[in-house]
């Protein structure tokens, strides 16, 4: 089976490369607008006013959600250990799900 190539994946890769020291990587955010309102995501990359988000389930690393920064609420918890892995490697979907569960549990 052929791997799907998403039209915006090149822009996502460029954003990941340019936002290594951004401070937003690994940040826990909650969607404030759209059909996914109330959902939690981890920030994979930032490009200007757009964030690339993943939850490890519907939106994984291969198909991140592109969302305007104004449409998310920053939750002041960061998965720092997850995002400081090897510079070139993004976390897997399993690691993202585990980090999300841990960060959400900490906030309760």
N, C-alpha and C. Protein backbone atom coordinates (compact mmCIF):
# COMPACT_ATOMS: atom_id res chain seq x y z
N UNK A 1 0.84 -1.18 0.00
CA UNK A 1 0.00 0.00 0.00
C UNK A 1 0.89 1.24 0.00
N UNK A 2 0.55 2.18 -0.83
CA UNK A 2 1.31 3.41 -0.94
C UNK A 2 1.01 4.35 0.22
N UNK A 3 2.04 5.00 0.71
CA UNK A 3 1.88 5.96 1.79
C UNK A 3 1.25 7.24 1.25
N UNK A 4 0.24 7.74 1.96
CA UNK A 4 -0.40 8.98 1.54
C UNK A 4 0.55 10.14 1.74
N UNK A 5 0.63 11.01 0.78
CA UNK A 5 1.42 12.22 0.91
C UNK A 5 0.45 13.38 0.95
N UNK A 6 0.46 14.10 2.03
CA UNK A 6 -0.45 15.21 2.20
C UNK A 6 0.15 16.46 1.58
N UNK A 7 -0.66 17.30 0.96
CA UNK A 7 -0.13 18.45 0.22
C UNK A 7 0.63 19.44 1.10
N UNK A 8 0.33 19.49 2.37
CA UNK A 8 0.97 20.46 3.24
C UNK A 8 2.12 19.85 4.03
N UNK A 9 2.47 18.61 3.77
CA UNK A 9 3.50 17.93 4.56
C UNK A 9 4.87 18.57 4.40
N UNK A 10 5.17 19.10 3.24
CA UNK A 10 6.45 19.79 3.03
C UNK A 10 6.55 21.04 3.88
N UNK A 11 5.45 21.78 3.98
CA UNK A 11 5.42 22.98 4.83
C UNK A 11 5.57 22.59 6.29
N UNK A 12 4.97 21.46 6.66
CA UNK A 12 5.09 20.97 8.03
C UNK A 12 6.55 20.63 8.35
N UNK A 13 7.22 19.93 7.45
CA UNK A 13 8.62 19.57 7.67
C UNK A 13 9.50 20.80 7.80
N UNK A 14 9.23 21.81 6.98
CA UNK A 14 9.99 23.05 7.06
C UNK A 14 9.73 23.76 8.39
N UNK A 15 8.49 23.73 8.85
CA UNK A 15 8.15 24.37 10.13
C UNK A 15 8.83 23.65 11.29
N UNK A 16 8.90 22.33 11.22
CA UNK A 16 9.58 21.56 12.27
C UNK A 16 11.05 21.94 12.32
N UNK A 17 11.66 22.04 11.16
CA UNK A 17 13.08 22.39 11.11
C UNK A 17 13.35 23.80 11.63
N UNK A 18 12.45 24.72 11.38
CA UNK A 18 12.68 26.11 11.77
C UNK A 18 12.23 26.42 13.19
N UNK A 19 11.43 25.54 13.81
CA UNK A 19 10.90 25.87 15.13
C UNK A 19 11.49 25.00 16.23
N UNK A 20 12.73 24.62 16.10
CA UNK A 20 13.38 23.78 17.11
C UNK A 20 13.47 24.48 18.46
N UNK A 21 13.82 25.76 18.47
CA UNK A 21 14.00 26.50 19.71
C UNK A 21 12.88 27.50 19.92
N UNK A 22 11.72 27.19 19.42
CA UNK A 22 10.58 28.09 19.43
C UNK A 22 9.99 28.28 20.83
N UNK A 23 9.99 27.25 21.64
CA UNK A 23 9.36 27.33 22.94
C UNK A 23 7.94 26.79 22.92
N UNK A 24 7.36 26.63 21.74
CA UNK A 24 6.00 26.09 21.63
C UNK A 24 6.01 24.57 21.45
N UNK A 25 7.12 24.02 21.02
CA UNK A 25 7.17 22.57 20.78
C UNK A 25 6.91 21.81 22.05
N UNK A 26 5.98 20.86 21.97
CA UNK A 26 5.65 20.04 23.13
C UNK A 26 4.61 20.66 24.04
N UNK A 27 4.15 21.85 23.71
CA UNK A 27 3.15 22.55 24.52
C UNK A 27 1.79 21.87 24.40
N UNK A 28 1.10 21.73 25.51
CA UNK A 28 -0.25 21.19 25.51
C UNK A 28 -1.21 22.33 25.21
N UNK A 29 -2.09 22.12 24.24
CA UNK A 29 -3.09 23.13 23.87
C UNK A 29 -4.46 22.47 23.78
N UNK A 30 -5.49 23.29 23.94
CA UNK A 30 -6.87 22.83 23.79
C UNK A 30 -7.53 23.65 22.70
N UNK A 31 -8.25 22.99 21.83
CA UNK A 31 -8.93 23.65 20.73
C UNK A 31 -10.09 24.47 21.26
N UNK A 32 -10.18 25.74 20.82
CA UNK A 32 -11.27 26.62 21.24
C UNK A 32 -12.32 26.79 20.15
N UNK A 33 -12.01 26.40 18.93
CA UNK A 33 -12.92 26.62 17.81
C UNK A 33 -12.84 25.45 16.84
N UNK A 34 -13.93 25.27 16.12
CA UNK A 34 -13.98 24.22 15.11
C UNK A 34 -14.72 22.99 15.61
N UNK A 35 -14.80 21.99 14.76
CA UNK A 35 -15.53 20.77 15.12
C UNK A 35 -14.83 19.98 16.22
N UNK A 36 -13.55 20.27 16.45
CA UNK A 36 -12.77 19.57 17.47
C UNK A 36 -12.67 20.37 18.77
N UNK A 37 -13.58 21.30 18.97
CA UNK A 37 -13.56 22.17 20.15
C UNK A 37 -13.49 21.34 21.43
N UNK A 38 -12.55 21.69 22.30
CA UNK A 38 -12.37 20.98 23.56
C UNK A 38 -11.34 19.87 23.51
N UNK A 39 -10.84 19.54 22.34
CA UNK A 39 -9.85 18.47 22.20
C UNK A 39 -8.46 18.97 22.57
N UNK A 40 -7.65 18.07 23.13
CA UNK A 40 -6.28 18.40 23.51
C UNK A 40 -5.31 17.90 22.46
N UNK A 41 -4.26 18.69 22.23
CA UNK A 41 -3.22 18.35 21.26
C UNK A 41 -1.87 18.75 21.82
N UNK A 42 -0.81 18.19 21.24
CA UNK A 42 0.55 18.66 21.49
C UNK A 42 1.02 19.41 20.26
N UNK A 43 1.75 20.49 20.47
CA UNK A 43 2.27 21.28 19.37
C UNK A 43 3.55 20.60 18.85
N UNK A 44 3.56 20.31 17.56
CA UNK A 44 4.73 19.73 16.92
C UNK A 44 5.61 20.82 16.33
N UNK A 45 4.99 21.85 15.78
CA UNK A 45 5.75 22.92 15.14
C UNK A 45 4.88 24.16 15.03
N UNK A 46 5.55 25.29 14.81
CA UNK A 46 4.87 26.56 14.61
C UNK A 46 5.44 27.24 13.39
N UNK A 47 4.56 27.74 12.55
CA UNK A 47 4.95 28.51 11.37
C UNK A 47 4.10 29.77 11.35
N UNK A 48 4.70 30.89 11.70
CA UNK A 48 4.00 32.17 11.80
C UNK A 48 2.81 32.03 12.75
N UNK A 49 1.59 32.21 12.26
CA UNK A 49 0.39 32.14 13.10
C UNK A 49 -0.28 30.78 13.06
N UNK A 50 0.35 29.80 12.46
CA UNK A 50 -0.23 28.46 12.34
C UNK A 50 0.54 27.48 13.21
N UNK A 51 -0.20 26.57 13.83
CA UNK A 51 0.40 25.51 14.63
C UNK A 51 0.12 24.18 13.97
N UNK A 52 1.06 23.26 14.07
CA UNK A 52 0.87 21.89 13.61
C UNK A 52 0.71 21.04 14.85
N UNK A 53 -0.46 20.42 14.99
CA UNK A 53 -0.84 19.73 16.21
C UNK A 53 -1.04 18.24 15.96
N UNK A 54 -0.80 17.45 17.01
CA UNK A 54 -1.04 16.01 16.92
C UNK A 54 -1.62 15.51 18.24
N UNK A 55 -2.51 14.52 18.13
CA UNK A 55 -3.04 13.88 19.33
C UNK A 55 -2.69 12.40 19.38
N UNK A 56 -2.07 11.88 18.34
CA UNK A 56 -1.66 10.49 18.33
C UNK A 56 -2.74 9.52 17.91
N UNK A 57 -3.96 9.98 17.76
CA UNK A 57 -5.06 9.12 17.35
C UNK A 57 -5.56 9.53 15.96
N UNK A 58 -6.47 10.49 15.92
CA UNK A 58 -6.97 10.96 14.63
C UNK A 58 -5.91 11.75 13.89
N UNK A 59 -5.14 12.51 14.64
CA UNK A 59 -4.10 13.35 14.04
C UNK A 59 -2.74 12.91 14.57
N UNK A 60 -2.04 12.17 13.74
CA UNK A 60 -0.72 11.68 14.12
C UNK A 60 0.37 12.57 13.55
N UNK A 61 1.58 12.11 13.67
CA UNK A 61 2.73 12.85 13.19
C UNK A 61 2.74 12.94 11.67
N UNK A 62 2.26 11.92 11.01
CA UNK A 62 2.22 11.90 9.55
C UNK A 62 1.16 12.81 8.96
N UNK A 63 0.13 13.13 9.75
CA UNK A 63 -0.97 13.96 9.27
C UNK A 63 -1.36 14.96 10.37
N UNK A 64 -0.48 15.92 10.68
CA UNK A 64 -0.77 16.85 11.77
C UNK A 64 -1.90 17.82 11.40
N UNK A 65 -2.59 18.29 12.41
CA UNK A 65 -3.66 19.26 12.21
C UNK A 65 -3.04 20.65 12.14
N UNK A 66 -3.38 21.38 11.12
CA UNK A 66 -2.91 22.75 10.96
C UNK A 66 -4.00 23.66 11.50
N UNK A 67 -3.67 24.44 12.53
CA UNK A 67 -4.68 25.26 13.18
C UNK A 67 -4.12 26.63 13.50
N UNK A 68 -4.97 27.63 13.34
CA UNK A 68 -4.58 29.00 13.64
C UNK A 68 -4.33 29.13 15.13
N UNK A 69 -3.29 29.85 15.49
CA UNK A 69 -2.90 29.99 16.89
C UNK A 69 -3.98 30.69 17.71
N UNK A 70 -4.81 31.49 17.07
CA UNK A 70 -5.90 32.17 17.78
C UNK A 70 -7.03 31.22 18.17
N UNK A 71 -7.05 30.04 17.56
CA UNK A 71 -8.12 29.10 17.81
C UNK A 71 -7.77 28.02 18.83
N UNK A 72 -6.66 28.20 19.54
CA UNK A 72 -6.29 27.26 20.58
C UNK A 72 -6.03 28.00 21.88
N UNK A 73 -6.23 27.30 22.98
CA UNK A 73 -5.93 27.84 24.30
C UNK A 73 -4.71 27.11 24.82
N UNK A 74 -3.70 27.86 25.22
CA UNK A 74 -2.48 27.26 25.74
C UNK A 74 -2.74 26.79 27.16
N UNK A 75 -2.45 25.51 27.40
CA UNK A 75 -2.50 24.95 28.74
C UNK A 75 -1.06 24.93 29.21
N UNK A 76 -0.78 25.49 30.34
CA UNK A 76 0.60 25.72 30.75
C UNK A 76 1.27 24.46 31.28
N UNK A 77 1.34 23.46 30.40
CA UNK A 77 2.07 22.23 30.67
C UNK A 77 2.78 21.82 29.38
N UNK A 78 4.01 21.36 29.52
CA UNK A 78 4.83 21.03 28.35
C UNK A 78 5.40 19.63 28.50
N UNK A 79 5.40 18.89 27.41
CA UNK A 79 6.04 17.57 27.36
C UNK A 79 7.48 17.77 26.91
N UNK A 80 8.28 18.36 27.78
CA UNK A 80 9.65 18.73 27.43
C UNK A 80 10.51 17.52 27.13
N UNK A 81 10.36 16.45 27.91
CA UNK A 81 11.18 15.26 27.69
C UNK A 81 10.89 14.62 26.34
N UNK A 82 9.67 14.74 25.88
CA UNK A 82 9.28 14.16 24.59
C UNK A 82 9.89 14.94 23.43
N UNK A 83 9.93 16.25 23.53
CA UNK A 83 10.39 17.07 22.42
C UNK A 83 11.90 17.32 22.43
N UNK A 84 12.60 16.92 23.47
CA UNK A 84 14.05 17.12 23.48
C UNK A 84 14.79 15.87 23.07
N UNK A 85 14.09 14.93 22.46
CA UNK A 85 14.74 13.74 21.94
C UNK A 85 15.69 14.17 20.83
N UNK A 86 16.10 13.25 20.01
CA UNK A 86 17.00 13.59 18.89
C UNK A 86 16.39 14.72 18.07
N UNK A 87 17.22 15.67 17.68
CA UNK A 87 16.74 16.85 16.98
C UNK A 87 15.96 16.53 15.71
N UNK A 88 16.38 15.53 14.98
CA UNK A 88 15.74 15.24 13.70
C UNK A 88 14.49 14.38 13.87
N UNK A 89 14.34 13.73 15.01
CA UNK A 89 13.24 12.78 15.16
C UNK A 89 12.04 13.43 15.83
N UNK A 90 10.89 13.19 15.25
CA UNK A 90 9.63 13.58 15.88
C UNK A 90 9.16 12.40 16.72
N UNK A 91 8.39 12.64 17.76
CA UNK A 91 7.91 11.53 18.58
C UNK A 91 6.91 10.68 17.80
N UNK A 92 6.76 9.44 18.22
CA UNK A 92 5.79 8.56 17.57
C UNK A 92 4.40 8.86 18.12
N UNK A 93 3.39 8.30 17.46
CA UNK A 93 2.01 8.51 17.89
C UNK A 93 1.77 7.92 19.28
N UNK A 94 2.40 6.80 19.57
CA UNK A 94 2.25 6.16 20.88
C UNK A 94 2.82 7.07 21.97
N UNK A 95 3.99 7.65 21.70
CA UNK A 95 4.61 8.56 22.67
C UNK A 95 3.76 9.81 22.88
N UNK A 96 3.15 10.30 21.81
CA UNK A 96 2.29 11.49 21.92
C UNK A 96 1.06 11.17 22.77
N UNK A 97 0.44 10.01 22.55
CA UNK A 97 -0.73 9.63 23.35
C UNK A 97 -0.37 9.51 24.82
N UNK A 98 0.78 8.91 25.11
CA UNK A 98 1.21 8.74 26.51
C UNK A 98 1.49 10.09 27.16
N UNK A 99 2.14 10.99 26.43
CA UNK A 99 2.44 12.32 26.97
C UNK A 99 1.17 13.12 27.20
N UNK A 100 0.21 13.03 26.27
CA UNK A 100 -1.07 13.72 26.45
C UNK A 100 -1.80 13.22 27.69
N UNK A 101 -1.85 11.91 27.84
CA UNK A 101 -2.53 11.33 29.00
C UNK A 101 -1.87 11.79 30.30
N UNK A 102 -0.56 11.81 30.32
CA UNK A 102 0.18 12.23 31.53
C UNK A 102 -0.08 13.71 31.83
N UNK A 103 -0.01 14.57 30.81
CA UNK A 103 -0.20 16.00 31.02
C UNK A 103 -1.63 16.34 31.44
N UNK A 104 -2.60 15.67 30.86
CA UNK A 104 -4.00 15.93 31.21
C UNK A 104 -4.27 15.44 32.63
N UNK A 105 -3.69 14.30 32.99
CA UNK A 105 -3.87 13.77 34.34
C UNK A 105 -3.26 14.71 35.39
N UNK A 106 -2.10 15.31 35.07
CA UNK A 106 -1.45 16.25 35.99
C UNK A 106 -2.32 17.46 36.28
N UNK A 107 -3.11 17.85 35.32
CA UNK A 107 -3.95 19.04 35.47
C UNK A 107 -5.22 18.82 36.27
N UNK A 108 -5.56 17.57 36.51
CA UNK A 108 -6.80 17.30 37.25
C UNK A 108 -6.63 17.44 38.73
